[in-house]
PDB file of N, CA and C in Angstrom:
ATOM      1  N   MET A   1     -26.119  -7.377  22.478  1.00  0.00           N
ATOM      2  CA  MET A   1     -27.401  -6.566  22.624  1.00  0.00           C
ATOM      3  C   MET A   1     -26.692  -5.293  21.660  1.00  0.00           C
ATOM      4  N   ASP A   2     -27.372  -5.133  20.402  1.00  0.00           N
ATOM      5  CA  ASP A   2     -27.152  -4.312  19.394  1.00  0.00           C
ATOM      6  C   ASP A   2     -27.776  -2.669  19.839  1.00  0.00           C
ATOM      7  N   SER A   3     -26.903  -1.694  19.507  1.00  0.00           N
ATOM      8  CA  SER A   3     -27.099  -0.640  19.693  1.00  0.00           C
ATOM      9  C   SER A   3     -26.799   0.144  18.061  1.00  0.00           C
ATOM     10  N   PRO A   4     -27.578   1.500  18.081  1.00  0.00           N
ATOM     11  CA  PRO A   4     -27.360   2.259  16.765  1.00  0.00           C
ATOM     12  C   PRO A   4     -25.944   2.357  16.403  1.00  0.00           C
ATOM     13  N   GLU A   5     -24.904   2.729  17.467  1.00  0.00           N
ATOM     14  CA  GLU A   5     -23.770   2.830  17.298  1.00  0.00           C
ATOM     15  C   GLU A   5     -22.846   1.636  16.583  1.00  0.00           C
ATOM     16  N   ASN A   6     -23.276   0.223  17.003  1.00  0.00           N
ATOM     17  CA  ASN A   6     -22.832  -1.069  16.383  1.00  0.00           C
ATOM     18  C   ASN A   6     -23.229  -0.934  15.150  1.00  0.00           C
ATOM     19  N   GLU A   7     -24.658  -0.860  14.627  1.00  0.00           N
ATOM     20  CA  GLU A   7     -25.103  -0.985  13.463  1.00  0.00           C
ATOM     21  C   GLU A   7     -24.224  -0.015  12.318  1.00  0.00           C
ATOM     22  N   MET A   8     -23.902   1.089  12.708  1.00  0.00           N
ATOM     23  CA  MET A   8     -23.189   1.826  11.783  1.00  0.00           C
ATOM     24  C   MET A   8     -21.705   1.610  11.867  1.00  0.00           C
ATOM     25  N   ILE A   9     -21.067   1.025  12.740  1.00  0.00           N
ATOM     26  CA  ILE A   9     -19.696   0.626  13.014  1.00  0.00           C
ATOM     27  C   ILE A   9     -19.311  -0.635  11.806  1.00  0.00           C
ATOM     28  N   ALA A  10     -20.385  -1.621  11.878  1.00  0.00           N
ATOM     29  CA  ALA A  10     -20.051  -2.881  11.359  1.00  0.00           C
ATOM     30  C   ALA A  10     -19.819  -2.783  10.144  1.00  0.00           C
ATOM     31  N   PRO A  11     -20.705  -2.055   9.017  1.00  0.00           N
ATOM     32  CA  PRO A  11     -19.904  -1.982   7.851  1.00  0.00           C
ATOM     33  C   PRO A  11     -18.517  -1.552   7.537  1.00  0.00           C
ATOM     34  N   VAL A  12     -18.310  -0.500   8.370  1.00  0.00           N
ATOM     35  CA  VAL A  12     -17.105   0.039   8.360  1.00  0.00           C
ATOM     36  C   VAL A  12     -15.889  -1.080   8.640  1.00  0.00           C
ATOM     37  N   ALA A  13     -15.994  -1.355   9.992  1.00  0.00           N
ATOM     38  CA  ALA A  13     -15.165  -2.420  10.534  1.00  0.00           C
ATOM     39  C   ALA A  13     -14.917  -3.723   9.527  1.00  0.00           C
ATOM     40  N   SER A  14     -16.112  -4.091   8.806  1.00  0.00           N
ATOM     41  CA  SER A  14     -16.044  -5.094   7.718  1.00  0.00           C
ATOM     42  C   SER A  14     -15.122  -4.813   6.483  1.00  0.00           C
ATOM     43  N   PHE A  15     -15.346  -3.403   5.994  1.00  0.00           N
ATOM     44  CA  PHE A  15     -14.617  -3.014   5.133  1.00  0.00           C
ATOM     45  C   PHE A  15     -13.083  -2.873   5.321  1.00  0.00           C
ATOM     46  N   MET A  16     -12.919  -2.455   6.385  1.00  0.00           N
ATOM     47  CA  MET A  16     -11.652  -2.449   6.956  1.00  0.00           C
ATOM     48  C   MET A  16     -10.738  -3.865   6.944  1.00  0.00           C
ATOM     49  N   LEU A  17     -11.543  -4.849   7.521  1.00  0.00           N
ATOM     50  CA  LEU A  17     -11.049  -6.111   7.599  1.00  0.00           C
ATOM     51  C   LEU A  17     -10.678  -6.732   6.190  1.00  0.00           C
ATOM     52  N   ASP A  18     -11.492  -6.284   4.993  1.00  0.00           N
ATOM     53  CA  ASP A  18     -11.413  -6.907   3.890  1.00  0.00           C
ATOM     54  C   ASP A  18     -10.555  -6.263   2.989  1.00  0.00           C
ATOM     55  N   ALA A  19     -10.320  -5.132   3.146  1.00  0.00           N
ATOM     56  CA  ALA A  19      -9.596  -4.170   2.343  1.00  0.00           C
ATOM     57  C   ALA A  19      -7.963  -4.675   2.264  1.00  0.00           C
ATOM     58  N   SER A  20      -7.201  -4.294   0.950  1.00  0.00           N
ATOM     59  CA  SER A  20      -5.845  -4.746   0.853  1.00  0.00           C
ATOM     60  C   SER A  20      -5.222  -3.769   1.316  1.00  0.00           C
ATOM     61  N   PRO A  21      -4.149  -4.155   2.026  1.00  0.00           N
ATOM     62  CA  PRO A  21      -3.147  -2.935   2.525  1.00  0.00           C
ATOM     63  C   PRO A  21      -2.820  -2.265   1.113  1.00  0.00           C
ATOM     64  N   VAL A  22      -2.570  -0.809   1.159  1.00  0.00           N
ATOM     65  CA  VAL A  22      -2.045  -0.028   0.306  1.00  0.00           C
ATOM     66  C   VAL A  22      -0.608  -0.040   0.377  1.00  0.00           C
ATOM     67  N   ALA A  23       0.056   0.134  -0.945  1.00  0.00           N
ATOM     68  CA  ALA A  23       1.618   0.350  -0.887  1.00  0.00           C
ATOM     69  C   ALA A  23       1.493   1.286  -2.189  1.00  0.00           C
ATOM     70  N   TYR A  24       2.408   2.303  -1.894  1.00  0.00           N
ATOM     71  CA  TYR A  24       2.715   3.462  -3.005  1.00  0.00           C
ATOM     72  C   TYR A  24       4.061   3.279  -3.535  1.00  0.00           C
ATOM     73  N   VAL A  25       3.922   3.214  -4.833  1.00  0.00           N
ATOM     74  CA  VAL A  25       5.119   3.304  -5.490  1.00  0.00           C
ATOM     75  C   VAL A  25       5.511   4.506  -6.065  1.00  0.00           C
ATOM     76  N   ARG A  26       6.908   5.063  -5.835  1.00  0.00           N
ATOM     77  CA  ARG A  26       7.121   6.516  -6.246  1.00  0.00           C
ATOM     78  C   ARG A  26       8.652   6.292  -6.585  1.00  0.00           C
ATOM     79  N   PRO A  27       8.866   7.210  -7.559  1.00  0.00           N
ATOM     80  CA  PRO A  27      10.158   7.374  -8.225  1.00  0.00           C
ATOM     81  C   PRO A  27      11.091   7.968  -6.924  1.00  0.00           C
ATOM     82  N   VAL A  28      12.435   7.108  -7.024  1.00  0.00           N
ATOM     83  CA  VAL A  28      13.273   8.037  -5.855  1.00  0.00           C
ATOM     84  C   VAL A  28      14.830   8.143  -6.803  1.00  0.00           C
ATOM     85  N   MET A  29      15.493   8.688  -6.111  1.00  0.00           N
ATOM     86  CA  MET A  29      16.900   8.798  -6.527  1.00  0.00           C
ATOM     87  C   MET A  29      17.763   8.087  -5.598  1.00  0.00           C
ATOM     88  N   THR A  30      18.673   7.252  -5.968  1.00  0.00           N
ATOM     89  CA  THR A  30      19.674   6.576  -4.883  1.00  0.00           C
ATOM     90  C   THR A  30      20.885   6.856  -5.349  1.00  0.00           C
ATOM     91  N   ASP A  31      21.821   6.389  -4.593  1.00  0.00           N
ATOM     92  CA  ASP A  31      23.444   6.264  -4.858  1.00  0.00           C
ATOM     93  C   ASP A  31      23.700   5.633  -5.963  1.00  0.00           C
ATOM     94  N   LYS A  32      22.765   4.502  -6.578  1.00  0.00           N
ATOM     95  CA  LYS A  32      23.081   3.893  -7.685  1.00  0.00           C
ATOM     96  C   LYS A  32      22.356   4.168  -8.964  1.00  0.00           C
ATOM     97  N   GLY A  33      21.438   5.572  -8.672  1.00  0.00           N
ATOM     98  CA  GLY A  33      20.645   6.293  -9.796  1.00  0.00           C
ATOM     99  C   GLY A  33      19.209   6.238  -9.525  1.00  0.00           C
ATOM    100  N   ALA A  34      18.565   6.397 -10.539  1.00  0.00           N
ATOM    101  CA  ALA A  34      16.812   6.437 -10.322  1.00  0.00           C
ATOM    102  C   ALA A  34      16.518   5.071 -10.014  1.00  0.00           C
ATOM    103  N   GLY A  35      15.453   4.924  -9.077  1.00  0.00           N
ATOM    104  CA  GLY A  35      14.610   3.608  -8.698  1.00  0.00           C
ATOM    105  C   GLY A  35      13.345   3.972  -8.366  1.00  0.00           C
ATOM    106  N   PHE A  36      12.717   2.883  -8.039  1.00  0.00           N
ATOM    107  CA  PHE A  36      11.237   3.202  -7.679  1.00  0.00           C
ATOM    108  C   PHE A  36      11.053   2.420  -6.227  1.00  0.00           C
ATOM    109  N   ALA A  37      10.614   3.369  -5.219  1.00  0.00           N
ATOM    110  CA  ALA A  37      10.362   2.784  -3.956  1.00  0.00           C
ATOM    111  C   ALA A  37       8.933   2.389  -3.676  1.00  0.00           C
ATOM    112  N   VAL A  38       8.777   0.952  -2.996  1.00  0.00           N
ATOM    113  CA  VAL A  38       7.565   0.748  -2.535  1.00  0.00           C
ATOM    114  C   VAL A  38       7.400   1.057  -1.089  1.00  0.00           C
ATOM    115  N   CYS A  39       6.440   1.656  -0.582  1.00  0.00           N
ATOM    116  CA  CYS A  39       6.042   2.488   0.481  1.00  0.00           C
ATOM    117  C   CYS A  39       4.883   1.865   1.057  1.00  0.00           C
ATOM    118  N   ALA A  40       4.791   1.804   2.470  1.00  0.00           N
ATOM    119  CA  ALA A  40       3.614   1.471   3.152  1.00  0.00           C
ATOM    120  C   ALA A  40       2.794   2.705   3.200  1.00  0.00           C
ATOM    121  N   GLY A  41       1.523   2.501   3.529  1.00  0.00           N
ATOM    122  CA  GLY A  41       0.584   3.448   3.650  1.00  0.00           C
ATOM    123  C   GLY A  41       1.027   4.601   4.459  1.00  0.00           C
ATOM    124  N   ASP A  42       1.740   4.348   5.469  1.00  0.00           N
ATOM    125  CA  ASP A  42       2.277   5.209   6.530  1.00  0.00           C
ATOM    126  C   ASP A  42       3.514   6.019   6.123  1.00  0.00           C
ATOM    127  N   GLY A  43       3.997   5.690   4.859  1.00  0.00           N
ATOM    128  CA  GLY A  43       5.096   6.119   4.389  1.00  0.00           C
ATOM    129  C   GLY A  43       6.428   5.621   4.575  1.00  0.00           C
ATOM    130  N   THR A  44       6.426   4.410   5.248  1.00  0.00           N
ATOM    131  CA  THR A  44       7.811   3.814   5.726  1.00  0.00           C
ATOM    132  C   THR A  44       8.070   2.902   3.988  1.00  0.00           C
ATOM    133  N   GLN A  45       9.431   3.172   3.858  1.00  0.00           N
ATOM    134  CA  GLN A  45       9.892   2.886   2.790  1.00  0.00           C
ATOM    135  C   GLN A  45      10.134   1.188   3.030  1.00  0.00           C
ATOM    136  N   LEU A  46       9.575   0.526   1.942  1.00  0.00           N
ATOM    137  CA  LEU A  46       9.759  -0.911   2.219  1.00  0.00           C
ATOM    138  C   LEU A  46      10.988  -1.672   1.395  1.00  0.00           C
ATOM    139  N   ALA A  47      11.069  -1.277   0.394  1.00  0.00           N
ATOM    140  CA  ALA A  47      12.132  -1.519  -0.779  1.00  0.00           C
ATOM    141  C   ALA A  47      12.276  -0.668  -2.044  1.00  0.00           C
ATOM    142  N   ILE A  48      13.449  -0.893  -2.574  1.00  0.00           N
ATOM    143  CA  ILE A  48      13.823  -0.238  -3.831  1.00  0.00           C
ATOM    144  C   ILE A  48      13.717  -0.961  -5.095  1.00  0.00           C
ATOM    145  N   PHE A  49      13.354  -0.746  -6.210  1.00  0.00           N
ATOM    146  CA  PHE A  49      13.474  -1.537  -7.301  1.00  0.00           C
ATOM    147  C   PHE A  49      13.668  -0.657  -8.352  1.00  0.00           C
ATOM    148  N   PRO A  50      14.489  -1.249  -9.442  1.00  0.00           N
ATOM    149  CA  PRO A  50      15.113  -0.557 -10.629  1.00  0.00           C
ATOM    150  C   PRO A  50      14.318  -0.218 -11.653  1.00  0.00           C
ATOM    151  N   THR A  51      13.191  -0.882 -11.546  1.00  0.00           N
ATOM    152  CA  THR A  51      11.760  -0.233 -12.571  1.00  0.00           C
ATOM    153  C   THR A  51      10.510  -0.194 -11.756  1.00  0.00           C
ATOM    154  N   ARG A  52       9.610   0.472 -12.205  1.00  0.00           N
ATOM    155  CA  ARG A  52       8.545   0.659 -11.637  1.00  0.00           C
ATOM    156  C   ARG A  52       7.657  -0.575 -11.998  1.00  0.00           C
ATOM    157  N   ASP A  53       7.806  -1.591 -13.133  1.00  0.00           N
ATOM    158  CA  ASP A  53       6.924  -2.804 -12.980  1.00  0.00           C
ATOM    159  C   ASP A  53       7.522  -3.607 -12.053  1.00  0.00           C
ATOM    160  N   ALA A  54       8.782  -3.821 -11.551  1.00  0.00           N
ATOM    161  CA  ALA A  54       9.260  -4.687 -10.717  1.00  0.00           C
ATOM    162  C   ALA A  54       8.845  -4.405  -9.463  1.00  0.00           C
ATOM    163  N   ALA A  55       8.717  -2.946  -9.010  1.00  0.00           N
ATOM    164  CA  ALA A  55       7.946  -2.160  -7.715  1.00  0.00           C
ATOM    165  C   ALA A  55       6.567  -2.997  -7.561  1.00  0.00           C
ATOM    166  N   TYR A  56       6.079  -2.688  -8.691  1.00  0.00           N
ATOM    167  CA  TYR A  56       4.772  -2.971  -8.774  1.00  0.00           C
ATOM    168  C   TYR A  56       4.154  -4.468  -8.607  1.00  0.00           C
ATOM    169  N   PHE A  57       4.884  -5.336  -9.006  1.00  0.00           N
ATOM    170  CA  PHE A  57       4.469  -6.749  -9.083  1.00  0.00           C
ATOM    171  C   PHE A  57       5.311  -7.321  -7.590  1.00  0.00           C
ATOM    172  N   ALA A  58       6.202  -6.693  -7.121  1.00  0.00           N
ATOM    173  CA  ALA A  58       6.614  -6.880  -5.835  1.00  0.00           C
ATOM    174  C   ALA A  58       5.686  -6.520  -4.655  1.00  0.00           C
ATOM    175  N   ALA A  59       5.068  -5.857  -4.814  1.00  0.00           N
ATOM    176  CA  ALA A  59       4.092  -5.196  -3.875  1.00  0.00           C
ATOM    177  C   ALA A  59       2.853  -6.129  -3.948  1.00  0.00           C
ATOM    178  N   LYS A  60       2.342  -6.542  -5.020  1.00  0.00           N
ATOM    179  CA  LYS A  60       1.314  -7.494  -5.368  1.00  0.00           C
ATOM    180  C   LYS A  60       1.602  -8.829  -4.989  1.00  0.00           C
ATOM    181  N   GLN A  61       2.965  -9.345  -4.925  1.00  0.00           N
ATOM    182  CA  GLN A  61       3.204 -10.575  -4.492  1.00  0.00           C
ATOM    183  C   GLN A  61       3.082 -10.584  -3.137  1.00  0.00           C
ATOM    184  N   HIS A  62       3.180  -9.499  -2.527  1.00  0.00           N
ATOM    185  CA  HIS A  62       2.975  -9.654  -1.081  1.00  0.00           C
ATOM    186  C   HIS A  62       1.597  -8.873  -0.656  1.00  0.00           C
ATOM    187  N   ASP A  63       0.675  -9.192  -1.281  1.00  0.00           N
ATOM    188  CA  ASP A  63      -0.492  -8.571  -0.749  1.00  0.00           C
ATOM    189  C   ASP A  63      -0.638  -7.505  -0.525  1.00  0.00           C
ATOM    190  N   LEU A  64      -0.161  -6.755  -1.244  1.00  0.00           N
ATOM    191  CA  LEU A  64      -0.298  -5.129  -1.211  1.00  0.00           C
ATOM    192  C   LEU A  64      -1.088  -4.461  -2.382  1.00  0.00           C
ATOM    193  N   GLU A  65      -1.884  -3.498  -2.269  1.00  0.00           N
ATOM    194  CA  GLU A  65      -2.188  -3.044  -3.142  1.00  0.00           C
ATOM    195  C   GLU A  65      -1.603  -1.594  -3.991  1.00  0.00           C
ATOM    196  N   PRO A  66      -0.725  -1.799  -4.963  1.00  0.00           N
ATOM    197  CA  PRO A  66       0.310  -0.919  -5.307  1.00  0.00           C
ATOM    198  C   PRO A  66      -0.557   0.650  -5.931  1.00  0.00           C
ATOM    199  N   VAL A  67      -0.215   1.755  -5.539  1.00  0.00           N
ATOM    200  CA  VAL A  67      -0.431   2.953  -6.016  1.00  0.00           C
ATOM    201  C   VAL A  67       0.461   3.608  -6.494  1.00  0.00           C
ATOM    202  N   HIS A  68       0.506   4.077  -8.069  1.00  0.00           N
ATOM    203  CA  HIS A  68       1.721   4.743  -8.197  1.00  0.00           C
ATOM    204  C   HIS A  68       1.444   6.422  -7.792  1.00  0.00           C
ATOM    205  N   LEU A  69       2.616   6.882  -7.375  1.00  0.00           N
ATOM    206  CA  LEU A  69       2.660   8.351  -7.196  1.00  0.00           C
ATOM    207  C   LEU A  69       3.450   8.966  -8.173  1.00  0.00           C
ATOM    208  N   HIS A  70       3.424  10.228  -8.655  1.00  0.00           N
ATOM    209  CA  HIS A  70       4.128  10.768  -9.649  1.00  0.00           C
ATOM    210  C   HIS A  70       5.189  11.598  -8.823  1.00  0.00           C
TER     211      HIS A  70
END
């Protein structure tokens, strides 16, 4: 049984299921010097890489959509 609420929610639910999870790539300082962290959408740090490119491509390899933060 379709209701007006279900008709409004269906496009949003479809978008959320189709959207790639976002990963944020941001510069960080570590005990070994500067690096780039890959963080989940909620801010959880997933990994640190020595270069921005390495962080970006690692995120892509894991089906994440990387976004750079300055």
